[in-house]
N, C-alpha and C. Protein backbone atom coordinates (compact mmCIF):
# COMPACT_ATOMS: atom_id res chain seq x y z
N UNK A 1 -32.92 18.99 -66.81
CA UNK A 1 -32.19 18.60 -66.11
C UNK A 1 -33.20 18.98 -64.56
N UNK A 2 -32.96 18.27 -63.39
CA UNK A 2 -33.44 19.06 -61.79
C UNK A 2 -33.05 18.26 -61.10
N UNK A 3 -32.50 19.04 -59.61
CA UNK A 3 -31.86 18.07 -58.84
C UNK A 3 -32.77 18.81 -57.16
N UNK A 4 -32.60 17.86 -56.96
CA UNK A 4 -33.22 17.29 -55.51
C UNK A 4 -32.95 16.62 -54.35
N UNK A 5 -33.15 17.12 -54.05
CA UNK A 5 -32.70 16.27 -52.18
C UNK A 5 -33.32 15.09 -52.24
N UNK A 6 -32.69 13.88 -52.00
CA UNK A 6 -32.49 13.17 -51.55
C UNK A 6 -33.03 12.23 -50.46
N UNK A 7 -34.23 11.50 -50.20
CA UNK A 7 -34.92 10.59 -48.62
C UNK A 7 -33.39 10.35 -48.19
N UNK A 8 -34.16 10.84 -47.37
CA UNK A 8 -33.28 9.83 -45.96
C UNK A 8 -32.44 8.53 -45.99
N UNK A 9 -31.60 7.78 -46.37
CA UNK A 9 -31.18 7.12 -46.62
C UNK A 9 -31.20 6.39 -47.66
N UNK A 10 -31.66 7.66 -48.78
CA UNK A 10 -31.02 7.41 -50.31
C UNK A 10 -29.81 6.94 -50.63
N UNK A 11 -29.53 5.79 -51.39
CA UNK A 11 -27.63 5.53 -52.00
C UNK A 11 -28.33 6.21 -52.92
N UNK A 12 -27.03 7.10 -53.34
CA UNK A 12 -26.13 7.76 -53.55
C UNK A 12 -24.91 7.38 -55.10
N UNK A 13 -25.24 8.21 -56.08
CA UNK A 13 -24.14 7.35 -56.72
C UNK A 13 -22.83 7.80 -56.07
N UNK A 14 -22.12 8.48 -56.87
CA UNK A 14 -20.51 8.93 -56.68
C UNK A 14 -19.91 10.33 -56.74
N UNK A 15 -20.68 10.21 -58.77
CA UNK A 15 -20.88 12.02 -58.37
C UNK A 15 -22.83 12.34 -58.25
N UNK A 16 -23.25 11.31 -57.25
CA UNK A 16 -24.30 12.91 -56.18
C UNK A 16 -23.18 13.01 -55.68
N UNK A 17 -22.50 11.83 -54.81
CA UNK A 17 -22.30 11.98 -53.19
C UNK A 17 -21.70 13.61 -52.93
N UNK A 18 -21.32 14.28 -54.74
CA UNK A 18 -20.91 15.15 -54.16
C UNK A 18 -20.78 16.84 -54.05
N UNK A 19 -21.66 16.43 -54.35
CA UNK A 19 -22.62 17.87 -53.44
C UNK A 19 -23.65 17.81 -53.03
N UNK A 20 -24.52 15.86 -52.99
CA UNK A 20 -25.64 15.81 -51.53
C UNK A 20 -26.59 15.54 -52.71
N UNK A 21 -27.44 15.99 -53.50
CA UNK A 21 -27.83 16.57 -54.87
C UNK A 21 -27.92 15.53 -55.54
N UNK A 22 -29.76 14.79 -55.61
CA UNK A 22 -29.63 13.77 -56.85
C UNK A 22 -30.07 13.86 -57.83
N UNK A 23 -29.52 14.12 -59.30
CA UNK A 23 -30.20 14.86 -60.75
C UNK A 23 -30.92 13.64 -60.62
N UNK A 24 -32.52 14.29 -61.75
CA UNK A 24 -32.89 14.24 -62.84
C UNK A 24 -32.71 15.13 -64.19
N UNK A 25 -32.40 13.41 -65.04
CA UNK A 25 -32.48 14.03 -66.31
C UNK A 25 -33.99 13.54 -67.40
N UNK A 26 -34.46 14.33 -68.08
CA UNK A 26 -36.10 14.07 -68.39
C UNK A 26 -35.53 14.59 -70.50
N UNK A 27 -36.28 12.98 -70.95
CA UNK A 27 -36.13 13.71 -72.66
C UNK A 27 -37.23 13.53 -72.58
N UNK A 28 -37.58 14.44 -74.46
CA UNK A 28 -38.58 14.68 -74.37
C UNK A 28 -38.21 14.36 -76.50
N UNK A 29 -39.49 14.21 -77.20
CA UNK A 29 -39.15 14.72 -78.05
C UNK A 29 -40.67 16.27 -77.84
N UNK A 30 -41.15 16.11 -77.34
CA UNK A 30 -41.90 17.06 -77.42
C UNK A 30 -42.19 18.48 -77.73
N UNK A 31 -42.29 19.38 -78.30
CA UNK A 31 -42.07 19.92 -80.09
C UNK A 31 -42.56 21.49 -79.82
N UNK A 32 -44.02 21.40 -79.00
CA UNK A 32 -43.81 22.80 -78.34
C UNK A 32 -44.08 22.40 -77.07
N UNK A 33 -44.55 23.36 -76.31
CA UNK A 33 -44.82 24.16 -74.36
C UNK A 33 -43.85 24.14 -73.57
N UNK A 34 -44.14 24.23 -72.69
CA UNK A 34 -42.76 24.96 -72.27
C UNK A 34 -42.36 23.84 -71.12
N UNK A 35 -41.15 24.42 -70.41
CA UNK A 35 -40.30 23.80 -69.83
C UNK A 35 -41.53 24.14 -68.60
N UNK A 36 -41.95 24.36 -68.22
CA UNK A 36 -42.56 23.86 -66.75
C UNK A 36 -44.18 23.34 -66.84
N UNK A 37 -44.52 23.68 -68.24
CA UNK A 37 -46.12 22.35 -68.93
C UNK A 37 -44.54 20.86 -68.54
N UNK A 38 -43.65 20.23 -69.18
CA UNK A 38 -42.65 19.07 -69.20
C UNK A 38 -42.67 18.81 -67.38
N UNK A 39 -41.97 19.77 -66.82
CA UNK A 39 -42.14 19.84 -65.66
C UNK A 39 -42.91 18.81 -64.70
N UNK A 40 -44.48 19.66 -65.04
CA UNK A 40 -45.44 19.54 -64.09
C UNK A 40 -46.00 17.85 -64.45
N UNK A 41 -45.70 17.81 -65.98
CA UNK A 41 -46.05 16.17 -66.60
C UNK A 41 -45.10 15.41 -65.70
N UNK A 42 -43.30 16.18 -65.40
CA UNK A 42 -42.90 14.87 -65.14
C UNK A 42 -43.25 14.92 -63.71
N UNK A 43 -44.05 15.98 -62.77
CA UNK A 43 -43.71 15.72 -61.69
C UNK A 43 -44.96 14.89 -61.59
N UNK A 44 -45.63 14.91 -62.50
CA UNK A 44 -47.32 14.10 -62.04
C UNK A 44 -47.20 12.18 -62.47
N UNK A 45 -45.93 12.29 -62.60
CA UNK A 45 -45.87 10.30 -62.01
C UNK A 45 -44.52 10.00 -60.55
N UNK A 46 -44.51 11.77 -59.82
CA UNK A 46 -43.55 11.41 -58.52
C UNK A 46 -45.37 10.63 -57.71
N UNK A 47 -46.66 11.12 -58.11
CA UNK A 47 -47.45 11.14 -57.11
C UNK A 47 -48.06 9.29 -57.24
N UNK A 48 -47.19 8.93 -58.87
CA UNK A 48 -47.41 7.13 -59.03
C UNK A 48 -46.40 5.98 -58.40
N UNK A 49 -45.50 6.89 -58.11
CA UNK A 49 -44.65 6.06 -57.08
C UNK A 49 -44.65 6.70 -56.30
N UNK A 50 -45.74 7.57 -55.28
CA UNK A 50 -45.65 7.62 -53.81
C UNK A 50 -46.70 6.17 -53.47
N UNK A 51 -48.19 6.01 -54.81
CA UNK A 51 -48.44 5.49 -54.83
C UNK A 51 -48.91 3.75 -54.99
N UNK A 52 -47.34 3.72 -55.14
CA UNK A 52 -46.61 2.60 -55.42
C UNK A 52 -46.22 2.38 -53.98
N UNK A 53 -46.14 3.24 -53.99
CA UNK A 53 -44.84 3.33 -51.85
C UNK A 53 -46.01 2.93 -50.97
N UNK A 54 -46.92 3.34 -51.26
CA UNK A 54 -47.97 3.43 -50.14
C UNK A 54 -48.60 1.79 -50.60
N UNK A 55 -48.51 0.90 -51.57
CA UNK A 55 -49.74 0.21 -51.53
C UNK A 55 -48.38 -0.77 -51.06
N UNK A 56 -47.75 -0.68 -50.68
CA UNK A 56 -46.09 -1.79 -50.55
C UNK A 56 -46.01 -1.96 -49.04
N UNK A 57 -47.74 -0.69 -48.18
CA UNK A 57 -47.07 -0.35 -46.91
C UNK A 57 -48.65 -1.01 -46.70
N UNK A 58 -49.43 -1.36 -47.45
CA UNK A 58 -50.72 -2.06 -47.38
C UNK A 58 -50.77 -3.91 -47.79
N UNK A 59 -49.46 -4.38 -47.75
CA UNK A 59 -49.21 -5.26 -47.41
C UNK A 59 -48.88 -5.61 -49.46
N UNK A 60 -49.10 -4.87 -50.51
CA UNK A 60 -48.04 -6.04 -52.12
C UNK A 60 -47.00 -6.51 -51.92
N UNK A 61 -46.23 -6.35 -50.96
CA UNK A 61 -45.18 -6.41 -51.54
C UNK A 61 -44.80 -8.18 -50.18
N UNK A 62 -45.55 -8.63 -49.98
CA UNK A 62 -45.56 -9.44 -49.03
C UNK A 62 -46.68 -10.37 -48.98
N UNK A 63 -46.13 -11.29 -49.96
CA UNK A 63 -46.84 -12.46 -50.47
C UNK A 63 -46.74 -13.39 -48.72
N UNK A 64 -48.12 -14.46 -48.57
CA UNK A 64 -48.08 -14.65 -47.25
C UNK A 64 -47.98 -16.45 -47.38
N UNK A 65 -47.84 -17.02 -48.81
CA UNK A 65 -48.24 -18.17 -49.45
C UNK A 65 -47.01 -18.62 -50.51
N UNK A 66 -47.31 -20.32 -51.09
CA UNK A 66 -46.34 -20.14 -52.01
C UNK A 66 -46.57 -21.02 -53.02
N UNK A 67 -48.59 -20.54 -52.48
CA UNK A 67 -49.75 -20.90 -53.47
C UNK A 67 -50.41 -20.05 -53.86
N UNK A 68 -50.27 -20.28 -55.39
CA UNK A 68 -49.71 -19.17 -56.47
C UNK A 68 -51.57 -18.19 -56.49
N UNK A 69 -52.71 -19.09 -56.31
CA UNK A 69 -53.99 -18.76 -55.94
C UNK A 69 -54.72 -18.17 -54.54
N UNK A 70 -53.76 -18.33 -52.98
CA UNK A 70 -53.72 -17.44 -52.20
C UNK A 70 -53.08 -16.21 -52.81
N UNK A 71 -51.55 -16.20 -53.05
CA UNK A 71 -51.12 -14.54 -53.02
C UNK A 71 -51.95 -14.20 -54.23
N UNK A 72 -52.55 -14.29 -55.63
CA UNK A 72 -53.23 -13.21 -56.28
C UNK A 72 -54.91 -12.98 -55.07
N UNK A 73 -55.55 -14.10 -54.10
CA UNK A 73 -56.14 -12.95 -53.29
C UNK A 73 -55.79 -12.02 -52.82
N UNK A 74 -54.19 -12.27 -51.75
CA UNK A 74 -54.27 -11.47 -51.30
C UNK A 74 -53.31 -10.46 -52.27
N UNK A 75 -53.25 -10.30 -53.01
CA UNK A 75 -52.88 -9.31 -53.91
C UNK A 75 -53.91 -8.46 -54.20
N UNK A 76 -54.79 -9.12 -54.60
CA UNK A 76 -56.39 -8.69 -54.67
C UNK A 76 -56.72 -7.66 -53.55
N UNK A 77 -57.03 -8.59 -52.34
CA UNK A 77 -57.33 -7.78 -51.54
C UNK A 77 -56.42 -6.38 -50.49
N UNK A 78 -55.12 -6.40 -51.45
CA UNK A 78 -53.70 -4.60 -50.60
C UNK A 78 -53.86 -4.60 -52.16
N UNK A 79 -54.08 -4.35 -53.07
CA UNK A 79 -54.56 -2.87 -53.76
C UNK A 79 -55.98 -2.51 -53.89
N UNK A 80 -57.19 -3.55 -53.20
CA UNK A 80 -58.24 -2.65 -52.88
C UNK A 80 -58.08 -1.40 -51.39
N UNK A 81 -57.19 -2.47 -50.72
CA UNK A 81 -56.77 -1.55 -49.73
C UNK A 81 -56.38 -0.27 -49.57
N UNK A 82 -55.29 -0.15 -50.99
CA UNK A 82 -54.56 1.00 -50.99
C UNK A 82 -55.52 1.88 -51.88
N UNK A 83 -55.92 1.23 -52.81
CA UNK A 83 -56.70 1.92 -53.46
C UNK A 83 -58.46 2.81 -51.97
N UNK A 84 -58.49 2.07 -52.23
CA UNK A 84 -59.79 2.19 -50.29
C UNK A 84 -59.07 3.70 -49.51
N UNK A 85 -58.07 3.55 -49.27
CA UNK A 85 -57.03 4.82 -48.77
C UNK A 85 -56.94 5.61 -48.96
N UNK A 86 -56.97 6.20 -50.41
CA UNK A 86 -56.62 6.75 -51.15
C UNK A 86 -57.85 7.54 -51.94
N UNK A 87 -58.15 6.67 -51.57
CA UNK A 87 -59.65 7.76 -52.43
C UNK A 87 -60.22 7.82 -50.70
N UNK A 88 -60.43 7.89 -48.90
CA UNK A 88 -60.05 8.32 -48.06
C UNK A 88 -59.47 9.62 -48.02
N UNK A 89 -58.43 9.47 -48.66
CA UNK A 89 -58.07 11.05 -47.94
C UNK A 89 -58.18 11.93 -48.63
N UNK A 90 -58.64 11.41 -50.28
CA UNK A 90 -59.44 12.26 -51.48
C UNK A 90 -60.59 12.91 -51.16
N UNK A 91 -61.02 12.03 -50.10
CA UNK A 91 -62.95 12.02 -50.39
C UNK A 91 -63.45 13.14 -48.79
N UNK A 92 -62.79 12.21 -47.90
CA UNK A 92 -62.93 11.88 -46.20
C UNK A 92 -62.31 12.95 -45.81
N UNK A 93 -60.73 13.32 -45.70
CA UNK A 93 -59.51 13.98 -44.61
C UNK A 93 -59.53 15.14 -44.95
N UNK A 94 -60.19 16.14 -46.84
CA UNK A 94 -59.59 17.01 -46.73
C UNK A 94 -59.56 18.14 -46.12
N UNK A 95 -60.69 17.62 -44.71
CA UNK A 95 -60.14 18.72 -44.15
C UNK A 95 -59.12 19.07 -43.33
N UNK A 96 -58.42 17.66 -42.90
CA UNK A 96 -57.66 17.43 -42.32
C UNK A 96 -56.27 17.41 -43.20
N UNK A 97 -55.74 18.25 -43.20
CA UNK A 97 -54.54 18.33 -44.18
C UNK A 97 -53.15 17.13 -43.67
N UNK A 98 -52.90 16.91 -42.47
CA UNK A 98 -52.27 15.71 -41.98
C UNK A 98 -52.45 14.46 -42.43
N UNK A 99 -53.68 14.91 -41.78
CA UNK A 99 -54.46 13.16 -42.71
C UNK A 99 -54.17 13.14 -43.96
N UNK A 100 -54.79 14.02 -44.54
CA UNK A 100 -54.17 14.15 -46.19
C UNK A 100 -53.49 13.54 -46.99
N UNK A 101 -52.68 14.47 -46.01
CA UNK A 101 -50.70 13.52 -46.84
C UNK A 101 -50.92 12.24 -45.93
N UNK A 102 -50.37 11.99 -45.31
CA UNK A 102 -50.15 10.99 -44.33
C UNK A 102 -49.85 9.43 -44.97
N UNK A 103 -49.09 8.09 -44.81
CA UNK A 103 -48.28 7.35 -45.23
C UNK A 103 -49.97 6.39 -44.03
N UNK A 104 -49.33 4.81 -44.79
CA UNK A 104 -50.81 4.40 -44.07
C UNK A 104 -50.62 3.85 -43.19
N UNK A 105 -49.29 3.79 -42.80
CA UNK A 105 -49.20 3.42 -41.60
C UNK A 105 -49.68 4.50 -40.27
N UNK A 106 -49.61 6.05 -39.89
CA UNK A 106 -50.08 6.82 -39.39
C UNK A 106 -51.62 6.59 -39.64
N UNK A 107 -52.36 6.42 -40.57
CA UNK A 107 -53.43 5.99 -40.97
C UNK A 107 -54.27 5.06 -40.06
N UNK A 108 -53.49 3.89 -40.21
CA UNK A 108 -53.36 2.87 -39.67
C UNK A 108 -53.58 2.50 -37.20
N UNK A 109 -52.33 3.81 -37.56
CA UNK A 109 -52.27 3.60 -35.99
C UNK A 109 -53.48 4.84 -35.11
N UNK A 110 -53.78 5.83 -36.11
CA UNK A 110 -54.71 7.42 -35.50
C UNK A 110 -56.21 7.26 -36.13
N UNK A 111 -56.27 6.52 -36.67
CA UNK A 111 -57.72 6.17 -37.83
C UNK A 111 -58.44 4.37 -37.69
N UNK A 112 -57.47 3.81 -38.67
CA UNK A 112 -57.94 2.37 -37.95
C UNK A 112 -58.52 1.73 -36.83
N UNK A 113 -57.49 1.94 -36.39
CA UNK A 113 -56.65 1.35 -35.22
C UNK A 113 -57.97 2.08 -33.82
N UNK A 114 -59.40 2.31 -34.10
CA UNK A 114 -59.21 4.04 -33.25
C UNK A 114 -60.42 2.77 -32.10
N UNK A 115 -60.90 2.18 -31.23
CA UNK A 115 -61.76 1.71 -30.49
C UNK A 115 -62.76 2.61 -30.47
N UNK A 116 -64.83 2.34 -30.86
CA UNK A 116 -65.53 3.31 -31.88
C UNK A 116 -66.70 2.12 -32.12
N UNK A 117 -67.15 2.37 -32.00
CA UNK A 117 -68.77 1.53 -31.75
C UNK A 117 -69.70 2.42 -32.89
N UNK A 118 -70.09 1.52 -33.70
CA UNK A 118 -70.97 1.49 -35.38
C UNK A 118 -72.31 1.74 -34.11
N UNK A 119 -73.43 2.67 -34.19
CA UNK A 119 -75.03 1.52 -33.31
C UNK A 119 -75.74 2.32 -33.62
N UNK A 120 -77.81 1.58 -33.34
CA UNK A 120 -78.94 2.22 -34.23
C UNK A 120 -79.33 2.22 -33.40
N UNK A 121 -80.09 3.31 -33.69
CA UNK A 121 -81.15 3.44 -32.90
C UNK A 121 -82.54 5.01 -32.93
N UNK A 122 -83.28 4.99 -33.31
CA UNK A 122 -84.32 6.30 -33.59
C UNK A 122 -84.35 6.06 -34.95
N UNK A 123 -83.97 4.88 -35.81
CA UNK A 123 -83.65 5.37 -36.99
C UNK A 123 -82.96 6.24 -38.00
N UNK A 124 -81.30 6.01 -36.87
CA UNK A 124 -80.67 7.02 -37.51
C UNK A 124 -79.11 5.77 -36.84
N UNK A 125 -78.29 6.28 -37.45
CA UNK A 125 -77.31 5.88 -37.42
C UNK A 125 -75.44 6.56 -36.71
N UNK A 126 -75.08 5.75 -35.64
CA UNK A 126 -74.04 6.98 -34.87
C UNK A 126 -73.07 6.59 -34.30
N UNK A 127 -72.12 7.20 -34.59
CA UNK A 127 -70.61 6.68 -34.25
C UNK A 127 -70.03 7.06 -32.60
N UNK A 128 -69.85 6.26 -32.32
CA UNK A 128 -69.45 6.29 -30.72
C UNK A 128 -67.81 6.43 -30.51
N UNK A 129 -67.52 7.06 -30.32
CA UNK A 129 -65.78 7.00 -30.18
C UNK A 129 -65.24 8.16 -29.25
N UNK A 130 -64.63 7.31 -28.55
CA UNK A 130 -63.62 7.57 -26.68
C UNK A 130 -63.15 9.10 -27.57
N UNK A 131 -64.52 10.45 -25.99
CA UNK A 131 -63.60 12.02 -26.25
C UNK A 131 -62.20 12.11 -25.61
N UNK A 132 -61.40 11.78 -25.21
CA UNK A 132 -60.61 11.94 -25.07
C UNK A 132 -59.66 11.51 -26.38
N UNK A 133 -59.84 10.15 -27.40
CA UNK A 133 -59.15 10.23 -28.55
C UNK A 133 -58.44 11.23 -29.57
N UNK A 134 -57.44 11.77 -29.71
CA UNK A 134 -56.81 13.21 -29.92
C UNK A 134 -56.81 12.75 -31.59
N UNK A 135 -57.73 11.66 -32.57
CA UNK A 135 -57.72 12.10 -33.87
C UNK A 135 -59.48 11.78 -34.04
N UNK A 136 -60.27 11.96 -32.85
CA UNK A 136 -61.95 11.60 -32.51
C UNK A 136 -62.59 12.96 -33.70
N UNK A 137 -62.37 13.97 -33.54
CA UNK A 137 -62.52 14.70 -34.54
C UNK A 137 -62.12 14.31 -35.63
N UNK A 138 -61.93 14.14 -36.07
CA UNK A 138 -61.60 13.95 -37.77
C UNK A 138 -62.32 12.59 -38.61
N UNK A 139 -62.37 11.87 -37.43
CA UNK A 139 -62.77 10.31 -37.68
C UNK A 139 -64.40 10.89 -38.26
N UNK A 140 -64.69 11.33 -37.02
CA UNK A 140 -66.61 11.38 -37.35
C UNK A 140 -66.82 13.05 -38.45
N UNK A 141 -65.52 13.52 -38.68
CA UNK A 141 -65.82 14.27 -40.06
C UNK A 141 -66.02 13.85 -40.79
N UNK A 142 -65.10 12.16 -41.42
CA UNK A 142 -65.41 11.86 -41.70
C UNK A 142 -66.34 10.62 -42.63
N UNK A 143 -66.39 10.45 -41.44
CA UNK A 143 -67.67 8.96 -41.38
C UNK A 143 -69.04 10.47 -41.59
N UNK A 144 -69.21 11.58 -41.28
CA UNK A 144 -70.32 12.59 -41.78
C UNK A 144 -70.73 13.09 -43.02
N UNK A 145 -69.28 13.09 -43.83
CA UNK A 145 -68.80 13.14 -45.46
C UNK A 145 -69.61 11.65 -46.38
N UNK A 146 -68.71 10.84 -45.45
CA UNK A 146 -68.99 9.45 -46.05
C UNK A 146 -71.02 9.47 -45.87
N UNK A 147 -71.30 10.23 -45.50
CA UNK A 147 -73.01 9.68 -45.48
C UNK A 147 -74.04 10.43 -46.07
N UNK A 148 -72.63 11.86 -46.35
CA UNK A 148 -73.31 12.23 -47.21
C UNK A 148 -73.67 12.23 -48.88
N UNK A 149 -72.43 11.21 -49.27
CA UNK A 149 -72.48 10.17 -50.88
C UNK A 149 -73.77 10.03 -50.61
N UNK A 150 -74.39 9.68 -52.84
CA UNK A 150 -75.28 9.02 -51.65
C UNK A 150 -75.57 7.39 -52.46
N UNK A 151 -75.91 7.05 -52.47
CA UNK A 151 -76.01 5.19 -52.62
C UNK A 151 -76.17 5.15 -54.41
N UNK A 152 -75.46 3.96 -54.64
CA UNK A 152 -75.11 4.09 -56.27
C UNK A 152 -77.43 3.26 -55.81
N UNK A 153 -77.48 2.91 -57.58
CA UNK A 153 -78.85 2.62 -58.09
C UNK A 153 -79.05 1.42 -58.11
């Protein structure tokens, strides 16, 4: 059994309302291993649930049409957006803990809606950002990390 605090606005059952905690039971037929190993395996599933929730913020749950082909294309693009955000947080935003664990709405406001220009000159690529943008340094570092990744052959 595991006891955890529910997220704000969660629906609690009558048993859980008594003390304000949510309870989870993990049933397994694993014959060996310690309790900590089983707990770690169960917690890994929470990451999957977080990615599903982030995917819903990128458009998975909002289909724009009644036509199946349009909705299928929308779903593919939404899944690609969720994967790109997860990849960017894992690979490019490692030095900024706040942005590495941020929700898609926060990333959209702080990084994706940034007024910037990518320019070329003297055989180089430049990223022009507004100096007073609070997250300009984090975005510039992410772009420099991106440039270090070798191109596929």
